[in-house]
Amino acid sequence: MSTATRALFEFDDSYARELPSLSMPWRVTPVPAPSLLVLNGELAEELGVDADLLRESAGVALLAGNAAPDGVSPAAQAYSGHQFGGYVPRLGDGRALLLGEVVDRRGRRRDLHLKGSGRTPFARGGDGKAAVGPMLREYLMGEAMHALGIPTTRGLAVVSTGETVARETALPGAVLSRVAASHLRVGTFQYAASSAEPGLVRKLADYAIARHYPDAAGAPHPYLEFYRRVIDAQASLVARWMLVGFVHGVMNTDNMAISGQTIDYGPCAFMDAFSPATVFSSIDHAGRYAYGNQPVMAQWNLARLGETLLPLIDESVDAAVEAATDALHSFAERYDSYLISGTAAKLGVDDADRSLVGELLALLESQRVDWTQFFRALSECLRGHPEPARSLAAEPGAFDAWVDRWQARLSPDRHAVATAMDRVNPVYIPRNHRVEEALTAATEGDMAPFDRLVEVLARPFDERPGLEAYARPAPASFGRHITYCGT
């Protein structure tokens, strides 16, 4: 490895070093002709790396996995998972590797992880590769969520590999370099709990506490407190998803991060017309992970985490179950609190009236109103322009009656209320047709639509002239949007 590449990052491998039985040392499959498609300069700066160096051949080689970092051993992480409710005891990084950990400019330990880097011992028959489209989708979605203020993993770069991968058709290959607070998952704890190694769950929990919730270590019952912290982080995260109409699409336990970040953007998308039954994933035939089911499924996943922690919570099985159950039951209250406060901010009120919100949701669903457009247009009513919001409703009369009740709850300073609402209600989200257009163009070699879309989504709350097309939902001709895992 060259001196220039060594200077890019100072890697550590605390996870592989402290928990060796939860990963396997492995090497990236070299790619023939790595070429940088997109680089996240802002994120590079956070990591303390000169983005210009990453654009050079040595930097691109590292981001593609062709240059292994010195001093650490890349590793494929092991985990289990409930996939659509069915338990799979051995999943793991089938096409990904943890290159190492980097301490960023703020002193935070971050994982640098490659996706699409070749087969590993966990590949389960797959080729370990990834295509340009799905890797750019994850990059795009991560940046959109970050700009919306939602905790998320982020893409540092996407590198084309110069080779093709076989899917339904031959597609250009790519590797995503992903940065995360960590890649500890509920499924990691499930794997540790199923292991025959004594004390492995305790070692994993101690590592997770030290890395993500260090204050929990000083609590009277540190493992129970750790569980509560994860519950709270997930309640907050899912509430934020719901407030912007995000549908993750594959909330398996191996896709829930202990840190509370959104992770593994596969068949994800943003909802246009409001409907709790919204599903985009091609394989979610029963709607298990539909928009409206996400809170329930998050709590279900957290129950699986709690099961792994029972021996640590209390020596008495009955006492452990009681304590964990009480903690788990707090999810609904925590989630409700986050959702109500977020909804109040979207509506510009101090406290969201449940009946008022319920009436609004029923109106939005029955009249198939676009979620994002409606909340952004609502503030215009306070500036004397009700028509943008009224025009979204099939029956404006019902809308008018609701608006009268809503306005009666507002502060007299309507301009200030409208300004505050615009700070939390985005103009621009990753509209499904725009995402597909950009990914199709990129797959065909034209990155300009993708780069433009990333630029628009970087400032989702700032309405800008000339970008009206990015704020509109898909035309009827686009049809039903279906997403795929991209594996």
Protein backbone atom coordinates (compact mmCIF):
# COMPACT_ATOMS: atom_id res chain seq x y z
CA MET A 1 0.00 0.00 0.00
CA SER A 2 1.34 3.42 -0.92
CA THR A 3 2.31 6.13 1.51
CA ALA A 4 -0.38 8.35 -0.01
CA THR A 5 -3.07 5.80 0.77
CA ARG A 6 -1.82 5.23 4.30
CA ALA A 7 -2.09 8.96 4.94
CA LEU A 8 -5.79 9.02 4.07
CA PHE A 9 -7.10 7.30 7.18
CA GLU A 10 -5.76 6.19 10.52
CA PHE A 11 -7.67 2.95 10.92
CA ASP A 12 -8.48 1.00 14.05
CA ASP A 13 -10.23 -2.36 14.38
CA SER A 14 -11.62 -2.39 17.91
CA TYR A 15 -14.63 -4.51 16.93
CA ALA A 16 -12.63 -7.29 15.30
CA ARG A 17 -10.03 -7.11 18.06
CA GLU A 18 -12.40 -7.18 21.02
CA LEU A 19 -15.06 -9.49 19.55
CA PRO A 20 -13.14 -11.81 17.22
CA SER A 21 -15.85 -14.47 17.13
CA LEU A 22 -18.36 -11.99 15.67
CA SER A 23 -16.49 -11.42 12.42
CA MET A 24 -14.13 -13.17 10.03
CA PRO A 25 -10.97 -11.59 8.57
CA TRP A 26 -11.43 -11.35 4.83
CA ARG A 27 -10.13 -9.60 1.77
CA VAL A 28 -11.94 -7.61 -0.87
CA THR A 29 -12.22 -9.16 -4.31
CA PRO A 30 -10.13 -6.79 -6.49
CA VAL A 31 -11.97 -4.99 -9.28
CA PRO A 32 -10.46 -4.46 -12.74
CA ALA A 33 -11.02 -0.76 -13.42
CA PRO A 34 -12.22 1.33 -10.44
CA SER A 35 -13.57 4.75 -11.35
CA LEU A 36 -15.09 7.30 -8.98
CA LEU A 37 -18.77 8.01 -9.65
CA VAL A 38 -19.56 10.23 -6.67
CA LEU A 39 -17.63 11.42 -3.62
CA ASN A 40 -19.10 12.99 -0.49
CA GLY A 41 -16.77 15.91 0.16
CA GLU A 42 -18.66 17.04 3.27
CA LEU A 43 -18.41 13.62 4.85
CA ALA A 44 -14.74 13.33 3.92
CA GLU A 45 -14.17 16.59 5.78
CA GLU A 46 -15.98 15.20 8.85
CA LEU A 47 -13.66 12.21 8.77
CA GLY A 48 -10.62 14.46 8.58
CA VAL A 49 -9.66 13.39 5.07
CA ASP A 50 -8.68 15.57 2.12
CA ALA A 51 -11.33 14.86 -0.51
CA ASP A 52 -8.87 15.67 -3.28
CA LEU A 53 -6.65 12.82 -2.12
CA LEU A 54 -9.60 10.45 -2.27
CA ARG A 55 -10.10 11.43 -5.90
CA GLU A 56 -6.57 10.37 -6.77
CA SER A 57 -5.81 6.83 -7.93
CA ALA A 58 -4.66 5.66 -4.50
CA GLY A 59 -7.81 7.02 -2.87
CA VAL A 60 -10.10 5.44 -5.45
CA ALA A 61 -8.26 2.13 -5.00
CA LEU A 62 -8.97 2.25 -1.27
CA LEU A 63 -12.65 3.12 -1.80
CA ALA A 64 -13.00 0.24 -4.24
CA GLY A 65 -11.22 -2.17 -1.89
CA ASN A 66 -8.27 -2.71 -4.21
CA ALA A 67 -5.89 -1.27 -1.61
CA ALA A 68 -6.19 -2.88 1.81
CA PRO A 69 -5.56 -0.60 4.78
CA ASP A 70 -2.37 -1.09 6.77
CA GLY A 71 -2.46 -2.06 10.43
CA VAL A 72 -5.95 -3.56 10.45
CA SER A 73 -7.61 -6.57 8.91
CA PRO A 74 -10.87 -6.00 6.97
CA ALA A 75 -13.58 -8.24 8.34
CA ALA A 76 -16.96 -9.65 7.36
CA GLN A 77 -19.30 -9.26 10.30
CA ALA A 78 -21.50 -12.08 11.53
CA TYR A 79 -25.12 -11.69 12.53
CA SER A 80 -28.43 -13.51 12.56
CA GLY A 81 -31.83 -12.09 11.78
CA HIS A 82 -35.55 -12.46 11.52
CA GLN A 83 -36.33 -11.90 7.85
CA PHE A 84 -40.03 -11.20 7.34
CA GLY A 85 -40.62 -12.95 10.65
CA GLY A 86 -38.60 -16.09 9.93
CA TYR A 87 -35.43 -16.62 11.93
CA VAL A 88 -32.20 -17.22 10.01
CA PRO A 89 -29.38 -18.17 12.40
CA ARG A 90 -26.49 -17.22 10.12
CA LEU A 91 -26.62 -14.22 7.84
CA GLY A 92 -23.69 -11.81 8.03
CA ASP A 93 -21.93 -9.59 5.52
CA GLY A 94 -22.39 -11.64 2.39
CA ARG A 95 -21.13 -8.93 0.04
CA ALA A 96 -19.63 -6.38 2.42
CA LEU A 97 -16.55 -5.81 4.53
CA LEU A 98 -15.70 -3.57 7.45
CA LEU A 99 -12.49 -1.89 6.28
CA GLY A 100 -11.90 -0.40 9.71
CA GLU A 101 -12.87 2.31 12.14
CA VAL A 102 -11.96 5.97 11.92
CA VAL A 103 -12.12 8.58 14.67
CA ASP A 104 -13.56 11.71 13.07
CA ARG A 105 -12.83 15.37 13.76
CA ARG A 106 -15.34 15.41 16.62
CA GLY A 107 -13.83 12.37 18.29
CA ARG A 108 -16.57 9.98 17.19
CA ARG A 109 -15.66 6.45 16.19
CA ARG A 110 -17.13 5.67 12.76
CA ASP A 111 -17.11 2.48 10.70
CA LEU A 112 -15.89 2.61 7.10
CA HIS A 113 -17.62 -0.24 5.37
CA LEU A 114 -17.62 -1.50 1.78
CA LYS A 115 -20.72 -2.88 0.09
CA GLY A 116 -20.51 -4.89 -3.12
CA SER A 117 -16.92 -5.88 -2.40
CA GLY A 118 -17.20 -9.57 -3.29
CA ARG A 119 -18.14 -12.91 -1.82
CA THR A 120 -17.47 -13.67 1.84
CA PRO A 121 -18.06 -16.81 3.92
CA PHE A 122 -21.56 -15.40 4.58
CA ALA A 123 -22.46 -14.97 0.90
CA ARG A 124 -25.07 -17.78 0.91
CA GLY A 125 -24.69 -18.48 -2.79
CA GLY A 126 -24.63 -14.86 -3.94
CA ASP A 127 -21.91 -13.34 -6.07
CA GLY A 128 -21.00 -10.70 -3.50
CA LYS A 129 -21.23 -7.93 -6.07
CA ALA A 130 -23.46 -4.89 -6.39
CA ALA A 131 -24.77 -2.88 -9.31
CA VAL A 132 -24.42 0.85 -9.88
CA GLY A 133 -28.14 1.60 -9.40
CA PRO A 134 -28.67 0.14 -5.91
CA MET A 135 -25.42 1.58 -4.58
CA LEU A 136 -26.28 5.04 -5.87
CA ARG A 137 -29.77 4.64 -4.37
CA GLU A 138 -28.28 4.02 -0.94
CA TYR A 139 -25.96 6.99 -1.32
CA LEU A 140 -28.83 9.23 -2.42
CA MET A 141 -31.24 8.11 0.28
CA GLY A 142 -28.64 8.47 3.01
CA GLU A 143 -27.87 12.03 1.94
CA ALA A 144 -31.57 12.90 1.69
CA MET A 145 -32.24 11.57 5.18
CA HIS A 146 -29.20 13.37 6.57
CA ALA A 147 -30.42 16.66 5.10
CA LEU A 148 -33.85 16.04 6.66
CA GLY A 149 -32.18 15.67 10.06
CA ILE A 150 -32.86 11.95 10.42
CA PRO A 151 -30.10 9.73 11.89
CA THR A 152 -28.60 7.67 9.09
CA THR A 153 -25.60 5.91 7.69
CA ARG A 154 -24.05 7.88 4.83
CA GLY A 155 -22.20 7.06 1.66
CA LEU A 156 -18.65 8.36 1.38
CA ALA A 157 -18.33 7.31 -2.25
CA VAL A 158 -19.59 5.06 -5.01
CA VAL A 159 -16.95 3.58 -7.31
CA SER A 160 -17.74 1.77 -10.53
CA THR A 161 -15.77 -1.45 -10.84
CA GLY A 162 -15.35 -1.77 -14.60
CA GLU A 163 -17.10 -5.13 -14.60
CA THR A 164 -20.68 -6.29 -15.04
CA VAL A 165 -22.87 -8.14 -12.57
CA ALA A 166 -25.53 -10.60 -13.60
CA ARG A 167 -29.04 -9.76 -12.41
CA GLU A 168 -32.16 -9.87 -14.60
CA THR A 169 -29.80 -8.30 -17.13
CA ALA A 170 -26.09 -7.54 -17.12
CA LEU A 171 -25.52 -4.35 -15.14
CA PRO A 172 -22.45 -2.22 -14.43
CA GLY A 173 -20.89 -3.08 -11.08
CA ALA A 174 -20.14 -0.71 -8.21
CA VAL A 175 -18.84 -0.58 -4.65
CA LEU A 176 -20.33 1.72 -2.01
CA SER A 177 -18.17 2.94 0.86
CA ARG A 178 -20.51 3.53 3.78
CA VAL A 179 -19.90 5.38 7.04
CA ALA A 180 -21.86 4.41 10.13
CA ALA A 181 -21.75 5.02 13.86
CA SER A 182 -21.31 1.24 13.90
CA HIS A 183 -22.77 -1.80 12.20
CA LEU A 184 -24.01 -3.39 15.43
CA ARG A 185 -27.49 -4.72 14.78
CA VAL A 186 -30.24 -6.48 16.69
CA GLY A 187 -29.16 -9.45 14.58
CA THR A 188 -25.63 -9.17 15.98
CA PHE A 189 -27.02 -9.78 19.47
CA GLN A 190 -29.13 -12.65 18.17
CA TYR A 191 -26.04 -14.27 16.68
CA ALA A 192 -24.08 -13.82 19.91
CA ALA A 193 -26.95 -15.26 21.96
CA SER A 194 -27.06 -18.37 19.78
CA SER A 195 -23.32 -18.89 20.11
CA ALA A 196 -21.87 -21.52 22.41
CA GLU A 197 -19.24 -19.04 23.59
CA PRO A 198 -19.81 -18.18 27.29
CA GLY A 199 -20.16 -14.51 28.00
CA LEU A 200 -20.28 -13.39 24.37
CA VAL A 201 -23.51 -11.42 24.73
CA ARG A 202 -22.08 -9.63 27.76
CA LYS A 203 -18.90 -8.75 25.85
CA LEU A 204 -20.98 -7.48 22.93
CA ALA A 205 -23.24 -5.46 25.22
CA ASP A 206 -20.24 -3.94 27.00
CA TYR A 207 -18.76 -2.97 23.64
CA ALA A 208 -22.06 -1.46 22.46
CA ILE A 209 -22.49 0.49 25.70
CA ALA A 210 -18.96 1.89 25.55
CA ARG A 211 -19.37 2.88 21.92
CA HIS A 212 -22.92 4.23 21.85
CA TYR A 213 -24.38 4.72 25.32
CA PRO A 214 -21.45 5.20 27.73
CA ASP A 215 -23.64 6.83 30.39
CA ALA A 216 -25.53 3.55 30.75
CA ALA A 217 -22.41 1.93 32.21
CA GLY A 218 -22.87 3.88 35.44
CA ALA A 219 -26.54 3.02 35.88
CA PRO A 220 -27.62 0.68 38.72
CA HIS A 221 -28.68 -1.85 36.07
CA PRO A 222 -26.47 -1.04 33.07
CA TYR A 223 -27.80 -3.68 30.66
CA LEU A 224 -31.41 -2.77 31.34
CA GLU A 225 -30.51 0.88 30.89
CA PHE A 226 -28.76 0.02 27.63
CA TYR A 227 -31.94 -1.69 26.45
CA ARG A 228 -33.98 1.37 27.37
CA ARG A 229 -31.59 3.63 25.45
CA VAL A 230 -31.89 1.51 22.30
CA ILE A 231 -35.67 1.48 22.65
CA ASP A 232 -35.72 5.26 22.93
CA ALA A 233 -33.38 5.72 19.96
CA GLN A 234 -35.58 3.53 17.77
CA ALA A 235 -38.80 5.19 18.94
CA SER A 236 -37.35 8.55 17.94
CA LEU A 237 -36.03 7.25 14.63
CA VAL A 238 -39.23 5.60 13.45
CA ALA A 239 -41.28 8.64 14.46
CA ARG A 240 -39.03 10.74 12.23
CA TRP A 241 -39.54 8.30 9.37
CA MET A 242 -43.28 8.59 9.76
CA LEU A 243 -43.23 12.38 9.84
CA VAL A 244 -41.59 12.59 6.40
CA GLY A 245 -43.41 9.63 4.83
CA PHE A 246 -40.38 7.35 4.59
CA VAL A 247 -40.92 3.61 4.09
CA HIS A 248 -37.85 1.52 4.91
CA GLY A 249 -39.24 -1.55 3.23
CA VAL A 250 -37.24 -4.30 4.93
CA MET A 251 -37.25 -3.88 8.71
CA ASN A 252 -35.72 -7.26 9.47
CA THR A 253 -33.84 -7.54 12.76
CA ASP A 254 -30.54 -7.58 10.89
CA ASN A 255 -31.46 -4.16 9.46
CA MET A 256 -32.03 -2.42 12.81
CA ALA A 257 -28.94 -0.65 14.11
CA ILE A 258 -28.26 -0.46 17.83
CA SER A 259 -27.05 3.11 17.35
CA GLY A 260 -30.46 4.34 16.20
CA GLN A 261 -29.30 5.19 12.67
CA THR A 262 -31.25 4.26 9.56
CA ILE A 263 -29.30 1.48 7.87
CA ASP A 264 -29.51 -0.73 4.78
CA TYR A 265 -31.46 1.21 2.17
CA GLY A 266 -32.80 -1.50 -0.09
CA PRO A 267 -36.43 -1.38 -1.26
CA CYS A 268 -37.02 1.97 0.43
CA ALA A 269 -38.99 4.93 -0.92
CA PHE A 270 -40.96 7.99 0.16
CA MET A 271 -44.74 7.97 0.16
CA ASP A 272 -46.59 10.30 -2.19
CA ALA A 273 -50.35 10.13 -1.48
CA PHE A 274 -50.96 9.41 2.20
CA SER A 275 -51.94 5.83 2.97
CA PRO A 276 -50.88 3.73 5.97
CA ALA A 277 -50.94 0.67 3.67
CA THR A 278 -48.21 2.04 1.41
CA VAL A 279 -45.76 -0.68 0.37
CA PHE A 280 -43.06 -0.42 -2.28
CA SER A 281 -41.02 -3.60 -1.83
CA SER A 282 -41.51 -6.25 -4.49
CA ILE A 283 -41.24 -9.04 -1.91
CA ASP A 284 -43.44 -7.59 0.87
CA HIS A 285 -46.58 -9.26 -0.41
CA ALA A 286 -48.41 -9.19 2.93
CA GLY A 287 -47.48 -5.59 3.79
CA ARG A 288 -45.54 -6.58 6.89
CA TYR A 289 -43.34 -3.49 6.56
CA ALA A 290 -45.96 -1.09 5.19
CA TYR A 291 -45.69 2.57 6.19
CA GLY A 292 -48.31 2.27 8.94
CA ASN A 293 -46.81 -0.93 10.36
CA GLN A 294 -43.33 0.46 10.95
CA PRO A 295 -43.82 1.37 14.65
CA VAL A 296 -45.25 -2.06 15.45
CA MET A 297 -42.44 -3.82 13.62
CA ALA A 298 -39.82 -1.72 15.38
CA GLN A 299 -41.24 -2.81 18.72
CA TRP A 300 -41.31 -6.43 17.53
CA ASN A 301 -37.62 -6.22 16.63
CA LEU A 302 -36.82 -4.66 19.99
CA ALA A 303 -38.55 -7.58 21.69
CA ARG A 304 -36.08 -9.87 19.94
CA LEU A 305 -33.21 -7.74 21.27
CA GLY A 306 -34.66 -7.94 24.76
CA GLU A 307 -34.71 -11.73 24.59
CA THR A 308 -30.96 -11.80 24.06
CA LEU A 309 -30.33 -9.50 27.04
CA LEU A 310 -32.42 -11.36 29.62
CA PRO A 311 -29.49 -13.23 31.26
CA LEU A 312 -27.71 -9.88 31.71
CA ILE A 313 -30.68 -7.99 33.11
CA ASP A 314 -31.25 -10.24 36.10
CA GLU A 315 -30.19 -13.67 37.33
CA SER A 316 -33.84 -14.45 38.00
CA VAL A 317 -35.58 -15.30 34.75
CA ASP A 318 -38.91 -14.00 36.02
CA ALA A 319 -37.41 -10.73 37.22
CA ALA A 320 -35.51 -10.28 33.95
CA VAL A 321 -38.63 -10.89 31.86
CA GLU A 322 -40.65 -8.46 33.95
CA ALA A 323 -38.01 -5.70 33.71
CA ALA A 324 -37.46 -6.19 29.98
CA THR A 325 -41.20 -6.27 29.31
CA ASP A 326 -41.70 -3.02 31.21
CA ALA A 327 -38.93 -1.43 29.18
CA LEU A 328 -40.37 -2.73 25.92
CA HIS A 329 -43.83 -1.44 26.78
CA SER A 330 -42.34 2.04 27.09
CA PHE A 331 -41.71 2.03 23.34
CA ALA A 332 -45.30 2.94 22.51
CA GLU A 333 -45.32 5.89 24.90
CA ARG A 334 -41.91 7.11 23.71
CA TYR A 335 -42.86 6.76 20.05
CA ASP A 336 -46.18 8.50 20.61
CA SER A 337 -44.44 11.38 22.37
CA TYR A 338 -41.95 11.84 19.53
CA LEU A 339 -44.65 11.56 16.88
CA ILE A 340 -47.03 13.99 18.57
CA SER A 341 -44.33 16.60 19.16
CA GLY A 342 -43.17 16.24 15.56
CA THR A 343 -46.70 16.50 14.25
CA ALA A 344 -47.30 19.60 16.36
CA ALA A 345 -44.25 21.20 14.75
CA LYS A 346 -45.51 20.28 11.26
CA LEU A 347 -48.84 21.92 12.09
CA GLY A 348 -47.34 24.95 13.83
CA VAL A 349 -49.12 24.33 17.12
CA ASP A 350 -47.75 23.97 20.63
CA ASP A 351 -49.51 20.67 21.26
CA ALA A 352 -51.12 18.53 18.58
CA ASP A 353 -54.78 17.84 19.33
CA ARG A 354 -55.35 14.15 18.67
CA SER A 355 -58.83 14.63 17.27
CA LEU A 356 -57.59 17.39 14.98
CA VAL A 357 -54.75 15.18 13.75
CA GLY A 358 -57.05 12.20 13.36
CA GLU A 359 -59.48 14.20 11.24
CA LEU A 360 -56.63 15.45 9.07
CA LEU A 361 -55.21 11.98 8.47
CA ALA A 362 -58.65 10.66 7.54
CA LEU A 363 -59.04 13.51 5.05
CA LEU A 364 -55.61 13.00 3.54
CA GLU A 365 -56.20 9.27 3.12
CA SER A 366 -59.73 9.44 1.75
CA GLN A 367 -58.80 12.15 -0.74
CA ARG A 368 -55.41 10.67 -1.68
CA VAL A 369 -53.56 13.89 -0.82
CA ASP A 370 -49.81 14.08 -1.30
CA TRP A 371 -48.18 13.99 2.14
CA THR A 372 -45.20 16.25 1.47
CA GLN A 373 -46.99 18.80 -0.72
CA PHE A 374 -49.86 19.19 1.74
CA PHE A 375 -47.80 20.08 4.80
CA ARG A 376 -45.61 22.46 2.84
CA ALA A 377 -48.65 24.15 1.27
CA LEU A 378 -50.41 24.44 4.63
CA SER A 379 -48.16 27.26 5.78
CA GLU A 380 -49.23 29.28 2.73
CA CYS A 381 -52.73 29.44 4.20
CA LEU A 382 -51.26 31.61 6.94
CA ARG A 383 -49.81 33.97 4.34
CA GLY A 384 -53.19 34.47 2.72
CA HIS A 385 -52.75 31.87 -0.02
CA PRO A 386 -55.03 28.89 0.74
CA GLU A 387 -55.34 27.71 -2.86
CA PRO A 388 -52.11 25.63 -3.02
CA ALA A 389 -53.38 23.47 -0.16
CA ARG A 390 -57.03 23.48 -1.23
CA SER A 391 -56.11 22.36 -4.75
CA LEU A 392 -54.65 19.14 -3.37
CA ALA A 393 -58.01 18.06 -1.94
CA ALA A 394 -60.68 16.39 -4.04
CA GLU A 395 -63.33 17.91 -1.72
CA PRO A 396 -62.09 21.37 -0.68
CA GLY A 397 -65.14 21.94 1.50
CA ALA A 398 -64.08 19.32 4.00
CA PHE A 399 -60.58 20.72 3.91
CA ASP A 400 -61.86 24.26 4.61
CA ALA A 401 -63.73 23.10 7.70
CA TRP A 402 -60.62 21.40 9.05
CA VAL A 403 -58.47 24.49 8.34
CA ASP A 404 -60.85 26.66 10.37
CA ARG A 405 -60.45 24.36 13.37
CA TRP A 406 -56.68 24.25 12.88
CA GLN A 407 -56.27 28.00 12.64
CA ALA A 408 -58.19 28.46 15.86
CA ARG A 409 -55.31 26.65 17.62
CA LEU A 410 -52.55 28.89 16.27
CA SER A 411 -50.57 31.75 17.74
CA PRO A 412 -51.67 35.21 16.57
CA ASP A 413 -48.29 35.75 14.88
CA ARG A 414 -49.19 33.77 11.78
CA HIS A 415 -46.07 34.80 9.84
CA ALA A 416 -43.81 33.38 12.55
CA VAL A 417 -45.86 30.19 12.65
CA ALA A 418 -45.61 29.77 8.88
CA THR A 419 -41.85 30.31 8.97
CA ALA A 420 -41.46 27.71 11.73
CA MET A 421 -43.58 25.22 9.79
CA ASP A 422 -41.40 25.67 6.71
CA ARG A 423 -38.35 24.70 8.77
CA VAL A 424 -39.76 21.21 9.40
CA ASN A 425 -41.91 20.54 6.31
CA PRO A 426 -39.68 19.82 3.32
CA VAL A 427 -40.31 21.01 -0.21
CA TYR A 428 -38.11 18.33 -1.74
CA ILE A 429 -37.92 14.64 -0.99
CA PRO A 430 -36.54 11.83 -3.19
CA ARG A 431 -39.59 11.61 -5.43
CA ASN A 432 -39.77 8.08 -6.77
CA HIS A 433 -39.89 8.94 -10.45
CA ARG A 434 -36.97 11.35 -10.08
CA VAL A 435 -34.92 8.72 -8.29
CA GLU A 436 -35.61 6.14 -10.98
CA GLU A 437 -34.79 8.60 -13.76
CA ALA A 438 -31.49 9.47 -12.12
CA LEU A 439 -30.52 5.86 -11.47
CA THR A 440 -31.43 4.77 -14.98
CA ALA A 441 -29.34 7.56 -16.47
CA ALA A 442 -26.41 6.74 -14.19
CA THR A 443 -26.58 3.07 -15.14
CA GLU A 444 -26.32 4.18 -18.76
CA GLY A 445 -23.31 6.35 -17.98
CA ASP A 446 -24.87 9.79 -17.45
CA MET A 447 -24.34 11.00 -13.86
CA ALA A 448 -25.72 14.52 -14.41
CA PRO A 449 -29.36 13.79 -13.33
CA PHE A 450 -28.11 11.99 -10.22
CA ASP A 451 -25.72 14.78 -9.25
CA ARG A 452 -28.47 17.35 -9.76
CA LEU A 453 -30.91 15.38 -7.61
CA VAL A 454 -28.36 15.06 -4.80
CA GLU A 455 -27.83 18.82 -5.00
CA VAL A 456 -31.57 19.53 -4.76
CA LEU A 457 -32.08 17.17 -1.81
CA ALA A 458 -29.18 18.67 0.13
CA ARG A 459 -31.43 21.65 1.00
CA PRO A 460 -34.89 20.10 1.36
CA PHE A 461 -36.52 22.99 3.24
CA ASP A 462 -35.37 25.84 0.99
CA GLU A 463 -37.77 26.46 -1.89
CA ARG A 464 -35.78 27.54 -4.93
CA PRO A 465 -36.91 28.94 -8.30
CA GLY A 466 -36.60 26.56 -11.20
CA LEU A 467 -36.93 23.40 -9.09
CA GLU A 468 -40.71 23.08 -9.17
CA ALA A 469 -40.53 19.76 -11.02
CA TYR A 470 -38.59 18.23 -8.13
CA ALA A 471 -41.39 19.10 -5.70
CA ARG A 472 -44.14 17.36 -7.63
CA PRO A 473 -45.19 13.71 -7.24
CA ALA A 474 -44.97 11.27 -10.12
CA PRO A 475 -47.38 11.69 -13.01
CA ALA A 476 -50.11 9.08 -13.39
CA SER A 477 -48.19 7.56 -16.29
CA PHE A 478 -45.42 6.53 -13.88
CA GLY A 479 -47.71 3.86 -12.46
CA ARG A 480 -47.23 1.96 -9.22
CA HIS A 481 -43.71 2.31 -7.87
CA ILE A 482 -42.02 -1.01 -7.05
CA THR A 483 -38.62 -1.28 -5.40
CA TYR A 484 -36.17 -4.16 -5.14
CA CYS A 485 -33.49 -5.13 -2.65
CA GLY A 486 -30.76 -4.76 -5.25
CA THR A 487 -28.90 -7.89 -4.18
